[in-house]
Every structure is written in C-alpha cells, then in structure tokens.
Amino acid sequence: MMSAALMHDALKSADMIDERDLPKHRPTPEMIADAHRRNAAPRPIVSWLMGDPAPGQSALDKRNSAV
C-alpha cells in the first residue's frame, strides 16, 4: 500500500492534482488509532458486506447517545 506522502509526490510530479485540492491537516495518531479500533470491532457478515456502520457508529446512534 502506498503511503499518502508517496502518493502525493507521485501525483504532484505527474501534474494530476492541484495544490489547492490537498487537505490542510493530517489525522492525529489518536484519530488513526480510533479508526483502527473501529475497523477491528466485530460485525455481522451482512453488515460488513453491505457497508453498514459498526454498532454505535451510525448517525442515529450518535444522535441518541448525545441526548
């Protein structure tokens, strides 16, 4: 898998992207760890195949937990 920095350099050298289209920030290590934790959480096979969010990660779950 190509890292974001290598992909950026490859695309930039090929003049395929504009500097203004690049993100202005990078994810923090905590954000990356949280994404890995959520991706590793157990999910039913149907949920995984259909692309449903993990339990507790849907917009409805987040809205209900904020109340």
PDB file of N, CA and C in Angstrom:
ATOM      1  N   MET A   1       0.837  -1.171   0.000  1.00  0.00           N
ATOM      2  CA  MET A   1       0.000   0.000   0.000  1.00  0.00           C
ATOM      3  C   MET A   1       0.886   1.239   0.000  1.00  0.00           C
ATOM      4  N   MET A   2       0.561   2.198  -0.825  1.00  0.00           N
ATOM      5  CA  MET A   2       1.356   3.402  -0.944  1.00  0.00           C
ATOM      6  C   MET A   2       0.944   4.401   0.139  1.00  0.00           C
ATOM      7  N   SER A   3       1.966   4.993   0.794  1.00  0.00           N
ATOM      8  CA  SER A   3       1.645   5.981   1.824  1.00  0.00           C
ATOM      9  C   SER A   3       1.105   7.252   1.182  1.00  0.00           C
ATOM     10  N   ALA A   4       0.428   8.054   1.979  1.00  0.00           N
ATOM     11  CA  ALA A   4      -0.169   9.294   1.467  1.00  0.00           C
ATOM     12  C   ALA A   4       0.900  10.238   0.943  1.00  0.00           C
ATOM     13  N   ALA A   5       2.050  10.302   1.627  1.00  0.00           N
ATOM     14  CA  ALA A   5       3.114  11.202   1.192  1.00  0.00           C
ATOM     15  C   ALA A   5       3.676  10.763  -0.160  1.00  0.00           C
ATOM     16  N   LEU A   6       3.884   9.454  -0.330  1.00  0.00           N
ATOM     17  CA  LEU A   6       4.395   8.964  -1.608  1.00  0.00           C
ATOM     18  C   LEU A   6       3.390   9.181  -2.733  1.00  0.00           C
ATOM     19  N   MET A   7       2.104   8.942  -2.427  1.00  0.00           N
ATOM     20  CA  MET A   7       1.069   9.146  -3.427  1.00  0.00           C
ATOM     21  C   MET A   7       0.997  10.626  -3.809  1.00  0.00           C
ATOM     22  N   HIS A   8       1.089  11.500  -2.808  1.00  0.00           N
ATOM     23  CA  HIS A   8       1.055  12.939  -3.067  1.00  0.00           C
ATOM     24  C   HIS A   8       2.206  13.327  -3.992  1.00  0.00           C
ATOM     25  N   ASP A   9       3.427  12.842  -3.680  1.00  0.00           N
ATOM     26  CA  ASP A   9       4.585  13.191  -4.504  1.00  0.00           C
ATOM     27  C   ASP A   9       4.441  12.651  -5.921  1.00  0.00           C
ATOM     28  N   ALA A  10       3.914  11.428  -6.038  1.00  0.00           N
ATOM     29  CA  ALA A  10       3.749  10.830  -7.360  1.00  0.00           C
ATOM     30  C   ALA A  10       2.728  11.603  -8.189  1.00  0.00           C
ATOM     31  N   LEU A  11       1.613  11.937  -7.576  1.00  0.00           N
ATOM     32  CA  LEU A  11       0.578  12.673  -8.297  1.00  0.00           C
ATOM     33  C   LEU A  11       1.014  14.099  -8.602  1.00  0.00           C
ATOM     34  N   LYS A  12       1.722  14.715  -7.663  1.00  0.00           N
ATOM     35  CA  LYS A  12       2.179  16.088  -7.870  1.00  0.00           C
ATOM     36  C   LYS A  12       3.181  16.136  -9.019  1.00  0.00           C
ATOM     37  N   SER A  13       4.069  15.161  -9.060  1.00  0.00           N
ATOM     38  CA  SER A  13       5.063  15.154 -10.130  1.00  0.00           C
ATOM     39  C   SER A  13       4.419  14.879 -11.484  1.00  0.00           C
ATOM     40  N   ALA A  14       3.300  14.214 -11.485  1.00  0.00           N
ATOM     41  CA  ALA A  14       2.608  13.922 -12.740  1.00  0.00           C
ATOM     42  C   ALA A  14       1.631  15.029 -13.122  1.00  0.00           C
ATOM     43  N   ASP A  15       1.588  16.103 -12.324  1.00  0.00           N
ATOM     44  CA  ASP A  15       0.684  17.229 -12.580  1.00  0.00           C
ATOM     45  C   ASP A  15      -0.775  16.785 -12.668  1.00  0.00           C
ATOM     46  N   MET A  16      -1.146  15.812 -11.848  1.00  0.00           N
ATOM     47  CA  MET A  16      -2.513  15.315 -11.874  1.00  0.00           C
ATOM     48  C   MET A  16      -3.393  15.998 -10.834  1.00  0.00           C
ATOM     49  N   ILE A  17      -2.772  16.702  -9.863  1.00  0.00           N
ATOM     50  CA  ILE A  17      -3.563  17.355  -8.831  1.00  0.00           C
ATOM     51  C   ILE A  17      -3.117  18.802  -8.685  1.00  0.00           C
ATOM     52  N   ASP A  18      -3.983  19.578  -8.106  1.00  0.00           N
ATOM     53  CA  ASP A  18      -3.692  20.974  -7.827  1.00  0.00           C
ATOM     54  C   ASP A  18      -3.404  21.097  -6.336  1.00  0.00           C
ATOM     55  N   GLU A  19      -2.412  21.884  -5.946  1.00  0.00           N
ATOM     56  CA  GLU A  19      -2.058  22.069  -4.538  1.00  0.00           C
ATOM     57  C   GLU A  19      -3.257  22.490  -3.703  1.00  0.00           C
ATOM     58  N   ARG A  20      -4.168  23.255  -4.268  1.00  0.00           N
ATOM     59  CA  ARG A  20      -5.321  23.745  -3.514  1.00  0.00           C
ATOM     60  C   ARG A  20      -6.292  22.632  -3.159  1.00  0.00           C
ATOM     61  N   ASP A  21      -6.213  21.495  -3.827  1.00  0.00           N
ATOM     62  CA  ASP A  21      -7.119  20.381  -3.554  1.00  0.00           C
ATOM     63  C   ASP A  21      -6.635  19.478  -2.425  1.00  0.00           C
ATOM     64  N   LEU A  22      -5.430  19.709  -1.923  1.00  0.00           N
ATOM     65  CA  LEU A  22      -4.871  18.854  -0.878  1.00  0.00           C
ATOM     66  C   LEU A  22      -5.447  19.237   0.480  1.00  0.00           C
ATOM     67  N   PRO A  23      -5.611  18.251   1.373  1.00  0.00           N
ATOM     68  CA  PRO A  23      -6.123  18.569   2.707  1.00  0.00           C
ATOM     69  C   PRO A  23      -5.152  19.470   3.462  1.00  0.00           C
ATOM     70  N   LYS A  24      -5.685  20.309   4.304  1.00  0.00           N
ATOM     71  CA  LYS A  24      -4.867  21.256   5.054  1.00  0.00           C
ATOM     72  C   LYS A  24      -4.354  20.672   6.373  1.00  0.00           C
ATOM     73  N   HIS A  25      -4.842  19.521   6.768  1.00  0.00           N
ATOM     74  CA  HIS A  25      -4.421  18.917   8.019  1.00  0.00           C
ATOM     75  C   HIS A  25      -4.221  17.420   7.839  1.00  0.00           C
ATOM     76  N   ARG A  26      -3.520  16.835   8.779  1.00  0.00           N
ATOM     77  CA  ARG A  26      -3.314  15.387   8.785  1.00  0.00           C
ATOM     78  C   ARG A  26      -3.993  14.813  10.022  1.00  0.00           C
ATOM     79  N   PRO A  27      -4.464  13.572   9.950  1.00  0.00           N
ATOM     80  CA  PRO A  27      -5.105  12.976  11.129  1.00  0.00           C
ATOM     81  C   PRO A  27      -4.094  12.781  12.259  1.00  0.00           C
ATOM     82  N   THR A  28      -4.560  12.976  13.471  1.00  0.00           N
ATOM     83  CA  THR A  28      -3.693  12.783  14.636  1.00  0.00           C
ATOM     84  C   THR A  28      -3.524  11.281  14.896  1.00  0.00           C
ATOM     85  N   PRO A  29      -2.498  10.913  15.653  1.00  0.00           N
ATOM     86  CA  PRO A  29      -2.345   9.489  15.991  1.00  0.00           C
ATOM     87  C   PRO A  29      -3.561   8.921  16.713  1.00  0.00           C
ATOM     88  N   GLU A  30      -4.233   9.756  17.523  1.00  0.00           N
ATOM     89  CA  GLU A  30      -5.433   9.289  18.225  1.00  0.00           C
ATOM     90  C   GLU A  30      -6.553   8.985  17.236  1.00  0.00           C
ATOM     91  N   MET A  31      -6.698   9.813  16.210  1.00  0.00           N
ATOM     92  CA  MET A  31      -7.723   9.579  15.190  1.00  0.00           C
ATOM     93  C   MET A  31      -7.438   8.293  14.426  1.00  0.00           C
ATOM     94  N   ILE A  32      -6.183   8.056  14.112  1.00  0.00           N
ATOM     95  CA  ILE A  32      -5.801   6.842  13.384  1.00  0.00           C
ATOM     96  C   ILE A  32      -6.041   5.612  14.255  1.00  0.00           C
ATOM     97  N   ALA A  33      -5.671   5.696  15.534  1.00  0.00           N
ATOM     98  CA  ALA A  33      -5.898   4.565  16.452  1.00  0.00           C
ATOM     99  C   ALA A  33      -7.388   4.272  16.594  1.00  0.00           C
ATOM    100  N   ASP A  34      -8.217   5.323  16.676  1.00  0.00           N
ATOM    101  CA  ASP A  34      -9.659   5.133  16.789  1.00  0.00           C
ATOM    102  C   ASP A  34     -10.222   4.470  15.526  1.00  0.00           C
ATOM    103  N   ALA A  35      -9.739   4.882  14.365  1.00  0.00           N
ATOM    104  CA  ALA A  35     -10.196   4.272  13.108  1.00  0.00           C
ATOM    105  C   ALA A  35      -9.820   2.789  13.055  1.00  0.00           C
ATOM    106  N   HIS A  36      -8.605   2.463  13.485  1.00  0.00           N
ATOM    107  CA  HIS A  36      -8.190   1.051  13.511  1.00  0.00           C
ATOM    108  C   HIS A  36      -9.040   0.249  14.487  1.00  0.00           C
ATOM    109  N   ARG A  37      -9.339   0.846  15.654  1.00  0.00           N
ATOM    110  CA  ARG A  37     -10.158   0.151  16.646  1.00  0.00           C
ATOM    111  C   ARG A  37     -11.553  -0.121  16.100  1.00  0.00           C
ATOM    112  N   ARG A  38     -12.149   0.887  15.442  1.00  0.00           N
ATOM    113  CA  ARG A  38     -13.491   0.709  14.887  1.00  0.00           C
ATOM    114  C   ARG A  38     -13.492  -0.316  13.757  1.00  0.00           C
ATOM    115  N   ASN A  39     -12.438  -0.322  12.930  1.00  0.00           N
ATOM    116  CA  ASN A  39     -12.375  -1.287  11.830  1.00  0.00           C
ATOM    117  C   ASN A  39     -12.166  -2.709  12.323  1.00  0.00           C
ATOM    118  N   ALA A  40     -11.526  -2.850  13.478  1.00  0.00           N
ATOM    119  CA  ALA A  40     -11.263  -4.188  14.015  1.00  0.00           C
ATOM    120  C   ALA A  40     -12.411  -4.715  14.869  1.00  0.00           C
ATOM    121  N   ALA A  41     -13.407  -3.883  15.171  1.00  0.00           N
ATOM    122  CA  ALA A  41     -14.532  -4.315  16.007  1.00  0.00           C
ATOM    123  C   ALA A  41     -15.330  -5.404  15.289  1.00  0.00           C
ATOM    124  N   PRO A  42     -15.820  -6.393  16.036  1.00  0.00           N
ATOM    125  CA  PRO A  42     -16.600  -7.462  15.414  1.00  0.00           C
ATOM    126  C   PRO A  42     -17.921  -6.932  14.844  1.00  0.00           C
ATOM    127  N   ARG A  43     -18.253  -7.388  13.641  1.00  0.00           N
ATOM    128  CA  ARG A  43     -19.507  -7.003  12.981  1.00  0.00           C
ATOM    129  C   ARG A  43     -20.085  -8.213  12.271  1.00  0.00           C
ATOM    130  N   PRO A  44     -21.407  -8.266  12.157  1.00  0.00           N
ATOM    131  CA  PRO A  44     -22.017  -9.372  11.407  1.00  0.00           C
ATOM    132  C   PRO A  44     -21.571  -9.327   9.937  1.00  0.00           C
ATOM    133  N   ILE A  45     -21.501 -10.473   9.311  1.00  0.00           N
ATOM    134  CA  ILE A  45     -21.040 -10.566   7.928  1.00  0.00           C
ATOM    135  C   ILE A  45     -21.927  -9.752   6.985  1.00  0.00           C
ATOM    136  N   VAL A  46     -23.230  -9.740   7.214  1.00  0.00           N
ATOM    137  CA  VAL A  46     -24.138  -8.977   6.357  1.00  0.00           C
ATOM    138  C   VAL A  46     -23.848  -7.480   6.493  1.00  0.00           C
ATOM    139  N   SER A  47     -23.616  -7.033   7.707  1.00  0.00           N
ATOM    140  CA  SER A  47     -23.280  -5.634   7.943  1.00  0.00           C
ATOM    141  C   SER A  47     -21.987  -5.271   7.216  1.00  0.00           C
ATOM    142  N   TRP A  48     -21.008  -6.147   7.287  1.00  0.00           N
ATOM    143  CA  TRP A  48     -19.725  -5.904   6.621  1.00  0.00           C
ATOM    144  C   TRP A  48     -19.904  -5.869   5.106  1.00  0.00           C
ATOM    145  N   LEU A  49     -20.656  -6.816   4.555  1.00  0.00           N
ATOM    146  CA  LEU A  49     -20.845  -6.885   3.102  1.00  0.00           C
ATOM    147  C   LEU A  49     -21.641  -5.706   2.560  1.00  0.00           C
ATOM    148  N   MET A  50     -22.631  -5.250   3.316  1.00  0.00           N
ATOM    149  CA  MET A  50     -23.489  -4.161   2.852  1.00  0.00           C
ATOM    150  C   MET A  50     -22.952  -2.775   3.190  1.00  0.00           C
ATOM    151  N   GLY A  51     -21.852  -2.707   3.926  1.00  0.00           N
ATOM    152  CA  GLY A  51     -21.245  -1.423   4.246  1.00  0.00           C
ATOM    153  C   GLY A  51     -21.929  -0.667   5.368  1.00  0.00           C
ATOM    154  N   ASP A  52     -22.709  -1.384   6.181  1.00  0.00           N
ATOM    155  CA  ASP A  52     -23.367  -0.724   7.315  1.00  0.00           C
ATOM    156  C   ASP A  52     -22.309  -0.317   8.341  1.00  0.00           C
ATOM    157  N   PRO A  53     -22.535   0.788   9.058  1.00  0.00           N
ATOM    158  CA  PRO A  53     -21.571   1.195  10.084  1.00  0.00           C
ATOM    159  C   PRO A  53     -21.565   0.212  11.244  1.00  0.00           C
ATOM    160  N   ALA A  54     -20.453   0.193  11.952  1.00  0.00           N
ATOM    161  CA  ALA A  54     -20.333  -0.672  13.124  1.00  0.00           C
ATOM    162  C   ALA A  54     -21.324  -0.217  14.198  1.00  0.00           C
ATOM    163  N   PRO A  55     -21.709  -1.112  15.109  1.00  0.00           N
ATOM    164  CA  PRO A  55     -22.634  -0.724  16.178  1.00  0.00           C
ATOM    165  C   PRO A  55     -22.106   0.488  16.947  1.00  0.00           C
ATOM    166  N   GLY A  56     -22.986   1.472  17.129  1.00  0.00           N
ATOM    167  CA  GLY A  56     -22.618   2.687  17.840  1.00  0.00           C
ATOM    168  C   GLY A  56     -22.009   3.766  16.958  1.00  0.00           C
ATOM    169  N   GLN A  57     -21.805   3.489  15.668  1.00  0.00           N
ATOM    170  CA  GLN A  57     -21.140   4.440  14.788  1.00  0.00           C
ATOM    171  C   GLN A  57     -22.078   5.108  13.788  1.00  0.00           C
ATOM    172  N   SER A  58     -23.334   4.703  13.749  1.00  0.00           N
ATOM    173  CA  SER A  58     -24.257   5.325  12.798  1.00  0.00           C
ATOM    174  C   SER A  58     -24.643   6.716  13.295  1.00  0.00           C
ATOM    175  N   ALA A  59     -25.127   7.550  12.410  1.00  0.00           N
ATOM    176  CA  ALA A  59     -25.541   8.903  12.778  1.00  0.00           C
ATOM    177  C   ALA A  59     -26.680   8.852  13.796  1.00  0.00           C
ATOM    178  N   LEU A  60     -27.586   7.905  13.656  1.00  0.00           N
ATOM    179  CA  LEU A  60     -28.702   7.779  14.600  1.00  0.00           C
ATOM    180  C   LEU A  60     -28.203   7.388  15.998  1.00  0.00           C
ATOM    181  N   ASP A  61     -27.264   6.446  16.053  1.00  0.00           N
ATOM    182  CA  ASP A  61     -26.691   6.050  17.345  1.00  0.00           C
ATOM    183  C   ASP A  61     -25.990   7.226  18.013  1.00  0.00           C
ATOM    184  N   LYS A  62     -25.244   7.986  17.239  1.00  0.00           N
ATOM    185  CA  LYS A  62     -24.507   9.127  17.801  1.00  0.00           C
ATOM    186  C   LYS A  62     -25.476  10.200  18.287  1.00  0.00           C
ATOM    187  N   ARG A  63     -26.563  10.426  17.538  1.00  0.00           N
ATOM    188  CA  ARG A  63     -27.544  11.426  17.936  1.00  0.00           C
ATOM    189  C   ARG A  63     -28.232  10.997  19.225  1.00  0.00           C
ATOM    190  N   ASN A  64     -28.620   9.723  19.314  1.00  0.00           N
ATOM    191  CA  ASN A  64     -29.319   9.223  20.502  1.00  0.00           C
ATOM    192  C   ASN A  64     -28.420   9.208  21.729  1.00  0.00           C
ATOM    193  N   SER A  65     -27.129   8.996  21.562  1.00  0.00           N
ATOM    194  CA  SER A  65     -26.233   8.967  22.713  1.00  0.00           C
ATOM    195  C   SER A  65     -25.910  10.372  23.207  1.00  0.00           C
ATOM    196  N   ALA A  66     -26.121  11.386  22.373  1.00  0.00           N
ATOM    197  CA  ALA A  66     -25.834  12.764  22.777  1.00  0.00           C
ATOM    198  C   ALA A  66     -26.941  13.332  23.659  1.00  0.00           C
ATOM    199  N   VAL A  67     -28.094  12.703  23.641  1.00  0.00           N
ATOM    200  CA  VAL A  67     -29.238  13.226  24.407  1.00  0.00           C
ATOM    201  C   VAL A  67     -29.105  12.890  25.867  1.00  0.00           C
TER     202      VAL A  67
END
